[in-house]
């Protein structure tokens, strides 16, 4: 384990979840993938994650609500938000909510790598 970071992928789209998990693993990180924010918040490893990469639009709890829940729990976990939605104010809302990065799908793998490096301070 090169970097020692545990990263979560929270996305209701199985193909996106698998692709993100595979990419993050190639960077030498441990990954746990979750189909929902609720499933992620129920994880026994919740306090061990360095960073969460979450979709904004999901059934049930969305990415903004997930970030709020983490903040309420005094979590220092960094959050990268991704979305396929096109609303012009989404990026501002994501950053204002405390997300360290905001990406619109489709995005280049390198863009996510840069965000993750920024989040992890490497």
Protein backbone atom coordinates (compact mmCIF):
# COMPACT_ATOMS: atom_id res chain seq x y z
CA UNK A 1 0.00 0.00 0.00
CA UNK A 2 1.92 2.98 -1.31
CA UNK A 3 0.05 5.91 0.20
CA UNK A 4 -1.92 4.43 3.06
CA UNK A 5 -5.11 6.33 2.20
CA UNK A 6 -8.58 4.81 2.31
CA UNK A 7 -10.84 6.43 -0.28
CA UNK A 8 -14.60 6.00 -0.64
CA UNK A 9 -16.54 6.14 -3.89
CA UNK A 10 -20.23 6.96 -3.40
CA UNK A 11 -22.24 6.73 -6.64
CA UNK A 12 -25.52 5.02 -7.50
CA UNK A 13 -24.28 4.24 -11.04
CA UNK A 14 -22.47 0.87 -10.88
CA UNK A 15 -20.32 1.48 -13.99
CA UNK A 16 -19.18 4.91 -12.75
CA UNK A 17 -18.54 3.50 -9.27
CA UNK A 18 -16.44 0.64 -10.68
CA UNK A 19 -14.49 2.92 -13.04
CA UNK A 20 -13.69 5.42 -10.28
CA UNK A 21 -12.69 2.64 -7.87
CA UNK A 22 -10.38 1.08 -10.48
CA UNK A 23 -8.74 4.44 -11.22
CA UNK A 24 -8.16 5.27 -7.55
CA UNK A 25 -6.71 1.77 -6.94
CA UNK A 26 -4.16 2.32 -9.75
CA UNK A 27 -2.89 5.29 -7.70
CA UNK A 28 -2.05 2.94 -4.83
CA UNK A 29 -4.98 3.70 -2.56
CA UNK A 30 -7.40 1.38 -0.81
CA UNK A 31 -10.95 1.88 -2.04
CA UNK A 32 -14.42 1.08 -0.74
CA UNK A 33 -17.36 1.63 -3.08
CA UNK A 34 -20.90 2.41 -1.95
CA UNK A 35 -24.15 2.57 -3.92
CA UNK A 36 -25.65 5.24 -1.65
CA UNK A 37 -24.75 7.92 0.87
CA UNK A 38 -26.73 6.02 3.50
CA UNK A 39 -24.69 2.85 2.89
CA UNK A 40 -21.46 4.88 3.16
CA UNK A 41 -22.50 6.59 6.41
CA UNK A 42 -23.33 3.17 7.90
CA UNK A 43 -19.81 1.85 7.14
CA UNK A 44 -17.87 0.56 10.14
CA UNK A 45 -14.77 2.17 8.56
CA UNK A 46 -16.31 5.66 8.28
CA UNK A 47 -13.73 7.33 10.52
CA UNK A 48 -10.83 5.79 8.55
CA UNK A 49 -11.53 7.40 5.16
CA UNK A 50 -9.19 10.19 4.03
CA UNK A 51 -11.45 11.30 1.19
CA UNK A 52 -14.90 10.64 -0.27
CA UNK A 53 -15.61 10.96 -3.97
CA UNK A 54 -19.38 11.34 -4.22
CA UNK A 55 -21.95 11.90 -6.90
CA UNK A 56 -24.24 14.83 -6.14
CA UNK A 57 -27.47 13.44 -7.61
CA UNK A 58 -28.45 10.10 -6.06
CA UNK A 59 -31.69 8.53 -4.87
CA UNK A 60 -32.20 9.11 -1.16
CA UNK A 61 -29.52 11.33 0.35
CA UNK A 62 -27.68 13.49 -2.21
CA UNK A 63 -24.02 14.54 -2.17
CA UNK A 64 -24.74 17.86 -0.43
CA UNK A 65 -26.71 16.11 2.32
CA UNK A 66 -23.88 13.59 2.69
CA UNK A 67 -21.37 16.43 3.18
CA UNK A 68 -23.72 18.00 5.78
CA UNK A 69 -23.93 14.69 7.66
CA UNK A 70 -20.14 14.38 7.70
CA UNK A 71 -19.81 17.95 8.99
CA UNK A 72 -22.38 17.28 11.73
CA UNK A 73 -20.26 14.34 12.84
CA UNK A 74 -17.18 16.61 13.00
CA UNK A 75 -15.58 14.55 10.24
CA UNK A 76 -12.40 16.01 8.73
CA UNK A 77 -12.90 13.82 5.66
CA UNK A 78 -12.33 15.70 2.42
CA UNK A 79 -15.04 15.45 -0.23
CA UNK A 80 -14.79 15.56 -4.01
CA UNK A 81 -18.19 16.08 -5.66
CA UNK A 82 -19.04 14.91 -9.17
CA UNK A 83 -22.18 15.42 -11.24
CA UNK A 84 -23.65 15.03 -14.71
CA UNK A 85 -26.07 17.90 -14.06
CA UNK A 86 -25.56 21.19 -15.85
CA UNK A 87 -26.98 23.83 -13.48
CA UNK A 88 -24.62 26.82 -13.55
CA UNK A 89 -24.55 27.35 -9.76
CA UNK A 90 -23.78 23.74 -8.80
CA UNK A 91 -20.02 24.27 -8.60
CA UNK A 92 -20.40 27.30 -6.31
CA UNK A 93 -22.84 25.35 -4.14
CA UNK A 94 -20.44 22.37 -3.94
CA UNK A 95 -17.45 24.51 -2.95
CA UNK A 96 -19.58 26.51 -0.49
CA UNK A 97 -20.70 23.24 1.13
CA UNK A 98 -17.05 22.38 1.79
CA UNK A 99 -16.15 20.18 -1.18
CA UNK A 100 -12.44 20.40 -2.00
CA UNK A 101 -13.12 19.72 -5.70
CA UNK A 102 -16.04 19.72 -8.12
CA UNK A 103 -16.07 17.74 -11.38
CA UNK A 104 -18.67 17.61 -14.15
CA UNK A 105 -19.13 14.27 -15.93
CA UNK A 106 -17.60 13.34 -18.23
CA UNK A 107 -14.21 14.35 -16.89
CA UNK A 108 -10.68 13.25 -17.71
CA UNK A 109 -9.06 10.72 -15.37
CA UNK A 110 -6.15 13.13 -14.93
CA UNK A 111 -8.53 15.79 -13.59
CA UNK A 112 -9.71 13.44 -10.87
CA UNK A 113 -6.12 12.44 -10.10
CA UNK A 114 -5.24 16.14 -9.65
CA UNK A 115 -8.22 16.64 -7.32
CA UNK A 116 -7.29 13.61 -5.27
CA UNK A 117 -3.67 14.76 -4.97
CA UNK A 118 -4.90 18.19 -3.87
CA UNK A 119 -7.22 16.58 -1.31
CA UNK A 120 -4.52 14.31 0.08
CA UNK A 121 -1.85 16.98 0.02
CA UNK A 122 0.61 15.04 -2.08
